[in-house]
C-alpha atoms as a PDB file:
ATOM      1  CA  UNK A   1     -14.515  -6.807   7.763  1.00  0.00           C
ATOM      2  CA  UNK A   2     -10.755  -6.787   7.151  1.00  0.00           C
ATOM      3  CA  UNK A   3      -8.339  -8.418   9.586  1.00  0.00           C
ATOM      4  CA  UNK A   4      -5.719  -5.885  10.611  1.00  0.00           C
ATOM      5  CA  UNK A   5      -2.339  -7.365   9.759  1.00  0.00           C
ATOM      6  CA  UNK A   6      -0.298  -4.255   8.884  1.00  0.00           C
ATOM      7  CA  UNK A   7       1.675  -2.591  11.678  1.00  0.00           C
ATOM      8  CA  UNK A   8       2.228   1.137  12.118  1.00  0.00           C
ATOM      9  CA  UNK A   9       5.740   1.292  10.618  1.00  0.00           C
ATOM     10  CA  UNK A  10       4.517  -0.773   7.673  1.00  0.00           C
ATOM     11  CA  UNK A  11       1.498   1.531   7.250  1.00  0.00           C
ATOM     12  CA  UNK A  12       3.682   4.648   7.178  1.00  0.00           C
ATOM     13  CA  UNK A  13       6.022   3.109   4.614  1.00  0.00           C
ATOM     14  CA  UNK A  14       3.101   2.008   2.421  1.00  0.00           C
ATOM     15  CA  UNK A  15       1.488   5.453   2.634  1.00  0.00           C
ATOM     16  CA  UNK A  16       4.701   7.227   1.649  1.00  0.00           C
ATOM     17  CA  UNK A  17       5.354   4.843  -1.243  1.00  0.00           C
ATOM     18  CA  UNK A  18       1.736   5.170  -2.371  1.00  0.00           C
ATOM     19  CA  UNK A  19       1.812   8.967  -2.383  1.00  0.00           C
ATOM     20  CA  UNK A  20       5.156   9.021  -4.223  1.00  0.00           C
ATOM     21  CA  UNK A  21       3.948   6.613  -6.916  1.00  0.00           C
ATOM     22  CA  UNK A  22       0.710   8.544  -7.404  1.00  0.00           C
ATOM     23  CA  UNK A  23       2.747  11.759  -7.696  1.00  0.00           C
ATOM     24  CA  UNK A  24       4.949  10.068 -10.322  1.00  0.00           C
ATOM     25  CA  UNK A  25       1.814   9.336 -12.332  1.00  0.00           C
ATOM     26  CA  UNK A  26       0.902  13.033 -12.461  1.00  0.00           C
ATOM     27  CA  UNK A  27       4.415  14.485 -12.743  1.00  0.00           C
ATOM     28  CA  UNK A  28       5.653  12.355 -15.660  1.00  0.00           C
ATOM     29  CA  UNK A  29       2.928  12.129 -18.321  1.00  0.00           C
ATOM     30  CA  UNK A  30       5.290  10.592 -20.922  1.00  0.00           C
ATOM     31  CA  UNK A  31       6.522   7.791 -18.662  1.00  0.00           C
ATOM     32  CA  UNK A  32       5.778   4.381 -20.152  1.00  0.00           C
ATOM     33  CA  UNK A  33       4.921   2.671 -16.862  1.00  0.00           C
ATOM     34  CA  UNK A  34       2.993   5.548 -15.281  1.00  0.00           C
ATOM     35  CA  UNK A  35      -0.271   3.532 -15.141  1.00  0.00           C
ATOM     36  CA  UNK A  36       1.557   0.786 -13.264  1.00  0.00           C
ATOM     37  CA  UNK A  37       2.819   3.417 -10.825  1.00  0.00           C
ATOM     38  CA  UNK A  38      -0.744   4.676 -10.312  1.00  0.00           C
ATOM     39  CA  UNK A  39      -2.222   1.228  -9.671  1.00  0.00           C
ATOM     40  CA  UNK A  40       0.577   0.142  -7.325  1.00  0.00           C
ATOM     41  CA  UNK A  41       0.400   3.503  -5.539  1.00  0.00           C
ATOM     42  CA  UNK A  42      -3.356   3.232  -5.032  1.00  0.00           C
ATOM     43  CA  UNK A  43      -3.029  -0.329  -3.722  1.00  0.00           C
ATOM     44  CA  UNK A  44      -0.262   0.719  -1.316  1.00  0.00           C
ATOM     45  CA  UNK A  45      -2.306   3.673  -0.091  1.00  0.00           C
ATOM     46  CA  UNK A  46      -5.451   1.543   0.292  1.00  0.00           C
ATOM     47  CA  UNK A  47      -3.650  -1.122   2.323  1.00  0.00           C
ATOM     48  CA  UNK A  48      -2.100   1.586   4.513  1.00  0.00           C
ATOM     49  CA  UNK A  49      -5.485   3.161   5.236  1.00  0.00           C
ATOM     50  CA  UNK A  50      -7.268  -0.157   5.822  1.00  0.00           C
ATOM     51  CA  UNK A  51      -4.372  -1.722   7.833  1.00  0.00           C
ATOM     52  CA  UNK A  52      -4.989  -4.924   5.934  1.00  0.00           C
ATOM     53  CA  UNK A  53      -2.996  -6.659   3.209  1.00  0.00           C
ATOM     54  CA  UNK A  54      -4.376  -9.544   1.179  1.00  0.00           C
ATOM     55  CA  UNK A  55      -0.917 -10.979   0.469  1.00  0.00           C
ATOM     56  CA  UNK A  56      -0.098 -10.960   4.184  1.00  0.00           C
ATOM     57  CA  UNK A  57      -3.330 -12.843   4.838  1.00  0.00           C
ATOM     58  CA  UNK A  58      -2.593 -15.417   2.105  1.00  0.00           C
ATOM     59  CA  UNK A  59       0.897 -16.110   3.476  1.00  0.00           C
ATOM     60  CA  UNK A  60      -0.181 -15.941   7.137  1.00  0.00           C
ATOM     61  CA  UNK A  61       2.001 -12.937   7.902  1.00  0.00           C
ATOM     62  CA  UNK A  62       1.371  -9.962  10.153  1.00  0.00           C
ATOM     63  CA  UNK A  63       3.386  -6.898  11.144  1.00  0.00           C
ATOM     64  CA  UNK A  64       0.678  -5.737  13.512  1.00  0.00           C
ATOM     65  CA  UNK A  65       1.254  -6.178  17.238  1.00  0.00           C
ATOM     66  CA  UNK A  66      -2.396  -6.968  17.824  1.00  0.00           C
ATOM     67  CA  UNK A  67      -4.593  -8.713  15.265  1.00  0.00           C
ATOM     68  CA  UNK A  68      -8.273  -7.932  15.018  1.00  0.00           C
END
C-alpha cells in the first residue's frame, strides 16, 4: 500500500523525535503549542512505523536502500 522510502537511520530519528514530542504534550499541560507537538509527534511516529513519508514521495526522495 505504501511505498517504503524511509531508511533505518531516518526511521530511528523519526521515532525518537515522535516519542519526545508526544511526551512534551503530556509533561507540559500549560504549553501553548502542546497540540502542535502532539500532532507532529504522531505524524513522525506514524511515518517511522510505516517506513513511508508522503513528503518524500511528493519530492521524489528516498533514504531507503531498497524501495518497495
